[in-house]
């Protein structure tokens, strides 16, 4: 959960933010935003125990 790892894992250097500039990103199924994915829930649960 280091900043560099978060940037890498969520691909935050990819210029995709313009898509969220209007209408936001909550509840939108038409965008493929890496921070909306839940595929690492189990990994995060391990850190919380």
PDB file of N, CA and C in Angstrom:
ATOM      1  N   UNK A   1       0.819  -1.193   0.000  1.00  0.00           N
ATOM      2  CA  UNK A   1       0.000   0.000   0.000  1.00  0.00           C
ATOM      3  C   UNK A   1       0.867   1.263   0.000  1.00  0.00           C
ATOM      4  N   UNK A   2       2.014   1.178  -0.591  1.00  0.00           N
ATOM      5  CA  UNK A   2       2.859   2.368  -0.746  1.00  0.00           C
ATOM      6  C   UNK A   2       2.314   3.216  -1.890  1.00  0.00           C
ATOM      7  N   UNK A   3       2.532   4.530  -1.845  1.00  0.00           N
ATOM      8  CA  UNK A   3       2.021   5.397  -2.913  1.00  0.00           C
ATOM      9  C   UNK A   3       2.441   4.954  -4.312  1.00  0.00           C
ATOM     10  N   UNK A   4       3.692   4.579  -4.488  1.00  0.00           N
ATOM     11  CA  UNK A   4       4.145   4.151  -5.819  1.00  0.00           C
ATOM     12  C   UNK A   4       3.411   2.892  -6.278  1.00  0.00           C
ATOM     13  N   UNK A   5       3.150   1.976  -5.364  1.00  0.00           N
ATOM     14  CA  UNK A   5       2.432   0.745  -5.717  1.00  0.00           C
ATOM     15  C   UNK A   5       0.980   1.044  -6.065  1.00  0.00           C
ATOM     16  N   UNK A   6       0.368   1.952  -5.344  1.00  0.00           N
ATOM     17  CA  UNK A   6      -1.020   2.333  -5.638  1.00  0.00           C
ATOM     18  C   UNK A   6      -1.095   2.968  -7.023  1.00  0.00           C
ATOM     19  N   UNK A   7      -0.176   3.874  -7.313  1.00  0.00           N
ATOM     20  CA  UNK A   7      -0.144   4.515  -8.633  1.00  0.00           C
ATOM     21  C   UNK A   7       0.031   3.470  -9.721  1.00  0.00           C
ATOM     22  N   UNK A   8       0.933   2.526  -9.506  1.00  0.00           N
ATOM     23  CA  UNK A   8       1.180   1.469 -10.497  1.00  0.00           C
ATOM     24  C   UNK A   8      -0.032   0.558 -10.646  1.00  0.00           C
ATOM     25  N   UNK A   9      -0.565   0.062  -9.534  1.00  0.00           N
ATOM     26  CA  UNK A   9      -1.656  -0.910  -9.580  1.00  0.00           C
ATOM     27  C   UNK A   9      -2.945  -0.324 -10.148  1.00  0.00           C
ATOM     28  N   UNK A  10      -3.204   0.935  -9.878  1.00  0.00           N
ATOM     29  CA  UNK A  10      -4.420   1.573 -10.386  1.00  0.00           C
ATOM     30  C   UNK A  10      -4.188   2.292 -11.710  1.00  0.00           C
ATOM     31  N   UNK A  11      -2.970   2.227 -12.204  1.00  0.00           N
ATOM     32  CA  UNK A  11      -2.615   2.846 -13.491  1.00  0.00           C
ATOM     33  C   UNK A  11      -3.017   4.321 -13.514  1.00  0.00           C
ATOM     34  N   UNK A  12      -2.643   5.036 -12.454  1.00  0.00           N
ATOM     35  CA  UNK A  12      -3.078   6.419 -12.294  1.00  0.00           C
ATOM     36  C   UNK A  12      -2.341   7.409 -13.188  1.00  0.00           C
ATOM     37  N   UNK A  13      -1.287   6.993 -13.837  1.00  0.00           N
ATOM     38  CA  UNK A  13      -0.590   7.893 -14.751  1.00  0.00           C
ATOM     39  C   UNK A  13      -1.203   7.888 -16.145  1.00  0.00           C
ATOM     40  N   UNK A  14      -2.145   7.003 -16.372  1.00  0.00           N
ATOM     41  CA  UNK A  14      -2.854   6.943 -17.657  1.00  0.00           C
ATOM     42  C   UNK A  14      -3.863   8.091 -17.690  1.00  0.00           C
ATOM     43  N   UNK A  15      -3.890   8.890 -18.733  1.00  0.00           N
ATOM     44  CA  UNK A  15      -4.777  10.064 -18.770  1.00  0.00           C
ATOM     45  C   UNK A  15      -6.239   9.707 -19.042  1.00  0.00           C
ATOM     46  N   UNK A  16      -6.945   9.265 -18.014  1.00  0.00           N
ATOM     47  CA  UNK A  16      -8.345   8.862 -18.185  1.00  0.00           C
ATOM     48  C   UNK A  16      -9.297   9.766 -17.428  1.00  0.00           C
ATOM     49  N   UNK A  17      -8.773  10.822 -16.819  1.00  0.00           N
ATOM     50  CA  UNK A  17      -9.584  11.630 -15.918  1.00  0.00           C
ATOM     51  C   UNK A  17     -10.578  12.531 -16.633  1.00  0.00           C
ATOM     52  N   UNK A  18     -10.352  12.834 -17.888  1.00  0.00           N
ATOM     53  CA  UNK A  18     -11.280  13.684 -18.639  1.00  0.00           C
ATOM     54  C   UNK A  18     -12.674  13.052 -18.673  1.00  0.00           C
ATOM     55  N   UNK A  19     -12.731  11.731 -18.726  1.00  0.00           N
ATOM     56  CA  UNK A  19     -14.021  11.026 -18.761  1.00  0.00           C
ATOM     57  C   UNK A  19     -14.842  11.297 -17.506  1.00  0.00           C
ATOM     58  N   UNK A  20     -14.184  11.576 -16.401  1.00  0.00           N
ATOM     59  CA  UNK A  20     -14.900  11.792 -15.141  1.00  0.00           C
ATOM     60  C   UNK A  20     -15.145  13.267 -14.854  1.00  0.00           C
ATOM     61  N   UNK A  21     -14.685  14.152 -15.739  1.00  0.00           N
ATOM     62  CA  UNK A  21     -14.815  15.589 -15.500  1.00  0.00           C
ATOM     63  C   UNK A  21     -16.274  16.040 -15.517  1.00  0.00           C
ATOM     64  N   UNK A  22     -17.103  15.372 -16.293  1.00  0.00           N
ATOM     65  CA  UNK A  22     -18.529  15.709 -16.289  1.00  0.00           C
ATOM     66  C   UNK A  22     -19.311  14.490 -15.819  1.00  0.00           C
ATOM     67  N   UNK A  23     -20.260  14.713 -14.995  1.00  0.00           N
ATOM     68  CA  UNK A  23     -21.126  13.677 -14.419  1.00  0.00           C
ATOM     69  C   UNK A  23     -20.421  12.785 -13.403  1.00  0.00           C
ATOM     70  N   UNK A  24     -19.169  13.064 -13.084  1.00  0.00           N
ATOM     71  CA  UNK A  24     -18.466  12.289 -12.069  1.00  0.00           C
ATOM     72  C   UNK A  24     -18.212  10.852 -12.482  1.00  0.00           C
ATOM     73  N   UNK A  25     -17.979  10.011 -11.483  1.00  0.00           N
ATOM     74  CA  UNK A  25     -17.710   8.605 -11.795  1.00  0.00           C
ATOM     75  C   UNK A  25     -18.511   7.649 -10.934  1.00  0.00           C
ATOM     76  N   UNK A  26     -19.215   8.128  -9.932  1.00  0.00           N
ATOM     77  CA  UNK A  26     -19.987   7.235  -9.068  1.00  0.00           C
ATOM     78  C   UNK A  26     -21.206   6.688  -9.799  1.00  0.00           C
ATOM     79  N   UNK A  27     -21.360   5.375  -9.750  1.00  0.00           N
ATOM     80  CA  UNK A  27     -22.535   4.736 -10.325  1.00  0.00           C
ATOM     81  C   UNK A  27     -22.532   4.629 -11.834  1.00  0.00           C
ATOM     82  N   UNK A  28     -21.440   4.927 -12.463  1.00  0.00           N
ATOM     83  CA  UNK A  28     -21.381   4.848 -13.929  1.00  0.00           C
ATOM     84  C   UNK A  28     -20.794   3.510 -14.342  1.00  0.00           C
ATOM     85  N   UNK A  29     -21.525   2.806 -15.177  1.00  0.00           N
ATOM     86  CA  UNK A  29     -21.060   1.506 -15.670  1.00  0.00           C
ATOM     87  C   UNK A  29     -20.364   1.616 -17.022  1.00  0.00           C
ATOM     88  N   UNK A  30     -20.419   2.797 -17.633  1.00  0.00           N
ATOM     89  CA  UNK A  30     -19.841   2.955 -18.968  1.00  0.00           C
ATOM     90  C   UNK A  30     -18.345   3.252 -18.946  1.00  0.00           C
ATOM     91  N   UNK A  31     -17.775   3.448 -17.762  1.00  0.00           N
ATOM     92  CA  UNK A  31     -16.348   3.731 -17.645  1.00  0.00           C
ATOM     93  C   UNK A  31     -15.635   2.553 -16.995  1.00  0.00           C
ATOM     94  N   UNK A  32     -14.442   2.275 -17.457  1.00  0.00           N
ATOM     95  CA  UNK A  32     -13.629   1.208 -16.866  1.00  0.00           C
ATOM     96  C   UNK A  32     -12.549   1.866 -16.015  1.00  0.00           C
ATOM     97  N   UNK A  33     -12.911   2.203 -14.775  1.00  0.00           N
ATOM     98  CA  UNK A  33     -12.001   2.915 -13.890  1.00  0.00           C
ATOM     99  C   UNK A  33     -11.367   1.941 -12.908  1.00  0.00           C
ATOM    100  N   UNK A  34     -10.045   1.896 -12.846  1.00  0.00           N
ATOM    101  CA  UNK A  34      -9.374   0.897 -12.018  1.00  0.00           C
ATOM    102  C   UNK A  34      -9.684   1.022 -10.534  1.00  0.00           C
ATOM    103  N   UNK A  35      -9.957   2.212 -10.037  1.00  0.00           N
ATOM    104  CA  UNK A  35     -10.225   2.370  -8.606  1.00  0.00           C
ATOM    105  C   UNK A  35     -11.636   1.949  -8.227  1.00  0.00           C
ATOM    106  N   UNK A  36     -12.467   1.602  -9.194  1.00  0.00           N
ATOM    107  CA  UNK A  36     -13.815   1.110  -8.922  1.00  0.00           C
ATOM    108  C   UNK A  36     -13.867  -0.420  -8.868  1.00  0.00           C
ATOM    109  N   UNK A  37     -12.800  -1.081  -9.234  1.00  0.00           N
ATOM    110  CA  UNK A  37     -12.783  -2.549  -9.252  1.00  0.00           C
ATOM    111  C   UNK A  37     -12.673  -3.099  -7.834  1.00  0.00           C
ATOM    112  N   UNK A  38     -13.230  -4.260  -7.629  1.00  0.00           N
ATOM    113  CA  UNK A  38     -13.224  -4.885  -6.302  1.00  0.00           C
ATOM    114  C   UNK A  38     -12.469  -6.212  -6.296  1.00  0.00           C
ATOM    115  N   UNK A  39     -11.589  -6.401  -7.256  1.00  0.00           N
ATOM    116  CA  UNK A  39     -10.886  -7.679  -7.381  1.00  0.00           C
ATOM    117  C   UNK A  39      -9.817  -7.904  -6.313  1.00  0.00           C
ATOM    118  N   UNK A  40      -9.503  -6.909  -5.499  1.00  0.00           N
ATOM    119  CA  UNK A  40      -8.468  -7.075  -4.475  1.00  0.00           C
ATOM    120  C   UNK A  40      -9.033  -7.013  -3.063  1.00  0.00           C
ATOM    121  N   UNK A  41     -10.315  -7.243  -2.927  1.00  0.00           N
ATOM    122  CA  UNK A  41     -10.957  -7.187  -1.614  1.00  0.00           C
ATOM    123  C   UNK A  41     -10.325  -8.175  -0.644  1.00  0.00           C
ATOM    124  N   UNK A  42     -10.114  -9.389  -1.081  1.00  0.00           N
ATOM    125  CA  UNK A  42      -9.539 -10.407  -0.197  1.00  0.00           C
ATOM    126  C   UNK A  42      -8.124 -10.029   0.240  1.00  0.00           C
ATOM    127  N   UNK A  43      -7.343  -9.450  -0.664  1.00  0.00           N
ATOM    128  CA  UNK A  43      -5.995  -9.000  -0.298  1.00  0.00           C
ATOM    129  C   UNK A  43      -6.062  -7.929   0.785  1.00  0.00           C
ATOM    130  N   UNK A  44      -6.982  -7.004   0.648  1.00  0.00           N
ATOM    131  CA  UNK A  44      -7.117  -5.934   1.636  1.00  0.00           C
ATOM    132  C   UNK A  44      -7.600  -6.460   2.983  1.00  0.00           C
ATOM    133  N   UNK A  45      -8.469  -7.451   2.958  1.00  0.00           N
ATOM    134  CA  UNK A  45      -8.962  -8.031   4.213  1.00  0.00           C
ATOM    135  C   UNK A  45      -7.825  -8.653   5.018  1.00  0.00           C
ATOM    136  N   UNK A  46      -6.854  -9.234   4.339  1.00  0.00           N
ATOM    137  CA  UNK A  46      -5.705  -9.833   5.024  1.00  0.00           C
ATOM    138  C   UNK A  46      -4.932  -8.785   5.814  1.00  0.00           C
ATOM    139  N   UNK A  47      -4.816  -7.587   5.268  1.00  0.00           N
ATOM    140  CA  UNK A  47      -4.084  -6.517   5.943  1.00  0.00           C
ATOM    141  C   UNK A  47      -4.846  -5.959   7.136  1.00  0.00           C
ATOM    142  N   UNK A  48      -6.153  -6.117   7.148  1.00  0.00           N
ATOM    143  CA  UNK A  48      -6.975  -5.550   8.217  1.00  0.00           C
ATOM    144  C   UNK A  48      -7.111  -6.464   9.420  1.00  0.00           C
ATOM    145  N   UNK A  49      -6.682  -7.701   9.306  1.00  0.00           N
ATOM    146  CA  UNK A  49      -6.803  -8.645  10.424  1.00  0.00           C
ATOM    147  C   UNK A  49      -5.723  -8.429  11.435  1.00  0.00           C
TER     148      UNK A  49
END
